Amino acid sequence: MRTRTTVGAVLALTGGCLIGTGLSAQSVAPMPAAHVTSLRVTPAAPLRPSPPVSIDIAAINLHAPLGSVGLAPDGTIGVPAPGPDYDVPGWYRYSPTPGALGPAVIIGHLDTLHTGPSVFFRLGELTPGQRIEVRRADGRIAVFQITAIAAYAKRLFPTGEVFGDLGYAGLRLITCGGPIEPATGHYRDNTVVFATLVATRSR
């Protein structure tokens, strides 16, 4: 499995801001509930690897194409670069593909300093039990059910829990969150959505 490589690549994730450059003046992003509740679900059989092409989260009216990201020069996960693809979430291409065995990772920006909310601005509204659909290049749709959502201070980020090996097909959506640190201008926390593959269907 490739998830060991993933863990090694994100050990520096608790450093600077993973995503986002500063909250716009009138925008306050929703945050997960203070107490994390986990939902137990029965995983579906994993799919063969196939790159993702889009993501749909009906609960927050999110429908977006998917790009991909790799590693930044400092060894942390890269993020969608400024430009036309800034608001396009990116699958971390050194993690499993969504629906395959292990934790697939998708990164998205929270907001921008000048134009306000970005693609994962409403991620903190999600709750266990809601569903995420990822369309894949092979024509399959991987249906995930959210099992937990939490905010973690970057300095205490649970790397093993988020990126460690799994015996089923999982999904992690990650963005920034919490207050902005005045000294750095970066968000203090990361919001992480945990989900499990529960069904697949043809496009």
Foldseek 3Di string as FASTA:
>chain_A
DLLVVVLQLAPVVLPFFQAEQAAEDPDAFAAADPDKAFDDDDFDAFDDFFAWFWKAFVVVGATATEAAWEHDPVSHTHADDPDPCLQHKHWHVSFTHQRHFFETEIEHHQAYHPPHGGRCRHVRVDDFQGWMWIAGPVQKIFIKTWGIKHKDFSVGDPSCVRRNGDRAGKYKYKYAHDDADVVRSHGGIMIIIIIHGHDMDGD
